[in-house]
Amino acid sequence: MEHLLVVRPDGTVEFIYDDELQPLLEAGDGRVRRASHVEPTDQGHWLADLSQVGGPCLGPFQLRADALAAEVEYLLSHDWNSIVASDVQAASEMDSSPI
């Protein structure tokens, strides 16, 4: 499987998670952020819900692997690094806002 990595000017590396890339998380201050929820339906199929990043709910799929592949395809075709960057910015603003 091919992987796309984005290296920011500050040295931050961003990528769509895959177990093969686990060593990158261990090499520094690694964090994983969820882009979707891949969940089973009551009928035993799988959905990839990308509403967390402003995307659609994809599926149903017979196999979980197909839902995960559709999730990755959607993210790659919709400029995933800007989706992640806006999600990170929103989380950062929430973290720094007064209570």
C-alpha atoms as a PDB file:
ATOM      1  CA  MET A   1       0.000   0.000   0.000  1.00  0.00           C
ATOM      2  CA  GLU A   2       1.247   3.483  -0.840  1.00  0.00           C
ATOM      3  CA  HIS A   3       1.207   6.203   1.805  1.00  0.00           C
ATOM      4  CA  LEU A   4       1.068   9.964   1.454  1.00  0.00           C
ATOM      5  CA  LEU A   5       2.958  11.935   4.074  1.00  0.00           C
ATOM      6  CA  VAL A   6       2.875  15.710   4.464  1.00  0.00           C
ATOM      7  CA  VAL A   7       5.832  17.378   6.179  1.00  0.00           C
ATOM      8  CA  ARG A   8       4.965  20.847   7.464  1.00  0.00           C
ATOM      9  CA  PRO A   9       7.570  23.641   7.682  1.00  0.00           C
ATOM     10  CA  ASP A  10       7.743  23.150  11.465  1.00  0.00           C
ATOM     11  CA  GLY A  11       8.685  19.483  10.959  1.00  0.00           C
ATOM     12  CA  THR A  12       5.250  18.077  11.789  1.00  0.00           C
ATOM     13  CA  VAL A  13       4.469  14.959   9.752  1.00  0.00           C
ATOM     14  CA  GLU A  14       0.849  14.204   8.882  1.00  0.00           C
ATOM     15  CA  PHE A  15      -0.536  11.075   7.266  1.00  0.00           C
ATOM     16  CA  ILE A  16      -3.601   8.873   7.108  1.00  0.00           C
ATOM     17  CA  TYR A  17      -3.011   6.213   9.738  1.00  0.00           C
ATOM     18  CA  ASP A  18      -2.006   2.726   8.732  1.00  0.00           C
ATOM     19  CA  ASP A  19      -0.434   0.129  11.017  1.00  0.00           C
ATOM     20  CA  GLU A  20       2.619   0.086   8.739  1.00  0.00           C
ATOM     21  CA  LEU A  21       3.309   3.701   9.790  1.00  0.00           C
ATOM     22  CA  GLN A  22       3.143   3.036  13.540  1.00  0.00           C
ATOM     23  CA  PRO A  23       6.930   3.596  13.937  1.00  0.00           C
ATOM     24  CA  LEU A  24       6.441   7.230  12.881  1.00  0.00           C
ATOM     25  CA  LEU A  25       4.192   7.782  15.897  1.00  0.00           C
ATOM     26  CA  GLU A  26       6.829   6.319  18.182  1.00  0.00           C
ATOM     27  CA  ALA A  27       9.601   8.513  16.716  1.00  0.00           C
ATOM     28  CA  GLY A  28       8.301  11.717  18.302  1.00  0.00           C
ATOM     29  CA  ASP A  29       5.276  13.340  19.877  1.00  0.00           C
ATOM     30  CA  GLY A  30       2.763  11.244  17.945  1.00  0.00           C
ATOM     31  CA  ARG A  31      -0.983  11.770  18.111  1.00  0.00           C
ATOM     32  CA  VAL A  32      -3.831  10.105  16.269  1.00  0.00           C
ATOM     33  CA  ARG A  33      -6.977  12.063  15.433  1.00  0.00           C
ATOM     34  CA  ARG A  34     -10.137  10.379  14.231  1.00  0.00           C
ATOM     35  CA  ALA A  35     -11.500  11.443  10.825  1.00  0.00           C
ATOM     36  CA  SER A  36     -14.465   9.095  10.815  1.00  0.00           C
ATOM     37  CA  HIS A  37     -16.270   6.329  12.598  1.00  0.00           C
ATOM     38  CA  VAL A  38     -16.345   2.954  10.856  1.00  0.00           C
ATOM     39  CA  GLU A  39     -19.133   1.040  12.574  1.00  0.00           C
ATOM     40  CA  PRO A  40     -21.293  -2.030  11.933  1.00  0.00           C
ATOM     41  CA  THR A  41     -24.986  -1.741  11.159  1.00  0.00           C
ATOM     42  CA  ASP A  42     -27.669  -3.899  12.759  1.00  0.00           C
ATOM     43  CA  GLN A  43     -27.713  -5.899   9.498  1.00  0.00           C
ATOM     44  CA  GLY A  44     -24.011  -6.771   9.760  1.00  0.00           C
ATOM     45  CA  HIS A  45     -22.760  -4.311   7.156  1.00  0.00           C
ATOM     46  CA  TRP A  46     -20.288  -1.454   7.689  1.00  0.00           C
ATOM     47  CA  LEU A  47     -20.612   2.339   7.413  1.00  0.00           C
ATOM     48  CA  ALA A  48     -17.848   4.949   7.250  1.00  0.00           C
ATOM     49  CA  ASP A  49     -19.302   8.089   8.825  1.00  0.00           C
ATOM     50  CA  LEU A  50     -17.161  11.099   7.869  1.00  0.00           C
ATOM     51  CA  SER A  51     -19.512  13.717   9.351  1.00  0.00           C
ATOM     52  CA  GLN A  52     -16.836  14.579  11.926  1.00  0.00           C
ATOM     53  CA  VAL A  53     -14.832  16.229   9.112  1.00  0.00           C
ATOM     54  CA  GLY A  54     -17.837  17.529   7.169  1.00  0.00           C
ATOM     55  CA  GLY A  55     -18.115  14.501   4.900  1.00  0.00           C
ATOM     56  CA  PRO A  56     -20.857  12.004   4.089  1.00  0.00           C
ATOM     57  CA  CYS A  57     -21.745   8.640   5.544  1.00  0.00           C
ATOM     58  CA  LEU A  58     -20.412   6.026   3.104  1.00  0.00           C
ATOM     59  CA  GLY A  59     -21.821   2.545   2.687  1.00  0.00           C
ATOM     60  CA  PRO A  60     -23.169   0.124   3.556  1.00  0.00           C
ATOM     61  CA  PHE A  61     -20.267  -2.218   2.818  1.00  0.00           C
ATOM     62  CA  GLN A  62     -20.170  -5.988   3.248  1.00  0.00           C
ATOM     63  CA  LEU A  63     -16.654  -5.887   4.691  1.00  0.00           C
ATOM     64  CA  ARG A  64     -15.091  -3.550   7.236  1.00  0.00           C
ATOM     65  CA  ALA A  65     -11.979  -3.391   5.047  1.00  0.00           C
ATOM     66  CA  ASP A  66     -14.107  -1.975   2.220  1.00  0.00           C
ATOM     67  CA  ALA A  67     -15.485   0.741   4.523  1.00  0.00           C
ATOM     68  CA  LEU A  68     -11.944   1.634   5.618  1.00  0.00           C
ATOM     69  CA  ALA A  69     -10.787   1.754   1.982  1.00  0.00           C
ATOM     70  CA  ALA A  70     -13.714   4.034   1.076  1.00  0.00           C
ATOM     71  CA  GLU A  71     -12.826   6.299   4.016  1.00  0.00           C
ATOM     72  CA  VAL A  72      -9.222   6.628   2.802  1.00  0.00           C
ATOM     73  CA  GLU A  73     -10.338   7.176  -0.804  1.00  0.00           C
ATOM     74  CA  TYR A  74     -12.704   9.954   0.307  1.00  0.00           C
ATOM     75  CA  LEU A  75     -10.045  11.667   2.414  1.00  0.00           C
ATOM     76  CA  LEU A  76      -7.438  11.502  -0.358  1.00  0.00           C
ATOM     77  CA  SER A  77      -9.861  12.861  -2.945  1.00  0.00           C
ATOM     78  CA  HIS A  78     -10.988  15.716  -0.683  1.00  0.00           C
ATOM     79  CA  ASP A  79      -7.656  17.255   0.369  1.00  0.00           C
ATOM     80  CA  TRP A  80      -7.392  15.304   3.641  1.00  0.00           C
ATOM     81  CA  ASN A  81      -4.486  17.361   4.986  1.00  0.00           C
ATOM     82  CA  SER A  82      -6.559  20.572   4.949  1.00  0.00           C
ATOM     83  CA  ILE A  83      -9.452  18.658   6.564  1.00  0.00           C
ATOM     84  CA  VAL A  84      -7.088  17.483   9.295  1.00  0.00           C
ATOM     85  CA  ALA A  85      -5.516  20.941   9.618  1.00  0.00           C
ATOM     86  CA  SER A  86      -8.912  22.611  10.110  1.00  0.00           C
ATOM     87  CA  ASP A  87      -9.863  19.910  12.637  1.00  0.00           C
ATOM     88  CA  VAL A  88      -6.592  20.477  14.515  1.00  0.00           C
ATOM     89  CA  GLN A  89      -7.101  24.272  14.448  1.00  0.00           C
ATOM     90  CA  ALA A  90     -10.638  23.901  15.842  1.00  0.00           C
ATOM     91  CA  ALA A  91      -9.393  21.591  18.610  1.00  0.00           C
ATOM     92  CA  SER A  92      -6.580  24.025  19.406  1.00  0.00           C
ATOM     93  CA  GLU A  93      -9.019  26.906  19.677  1.00  0.00           C
ATOM     94  CA  MET A  94     -11.244  24.864  21.997  1.00  0.00           C
ATOM     95  CA  ASP A  95      -8.251  23.989  24.161  1.00  0.00           C
ATOM     96  CA  SER A  96      -7.201  27.635  24.511  1.00  0.00           C
ATOM     97  CA  SER A  97     -10.621  29.204  25.007  1.00  0.00           C
ATOM     98  CA  PRO A  98     -11.515  30.348  28.529  1.00  0.00           C
ATOM     99  CA  ILE A  99     -14.082  28.310  30.401  1.00  0.00           C
END
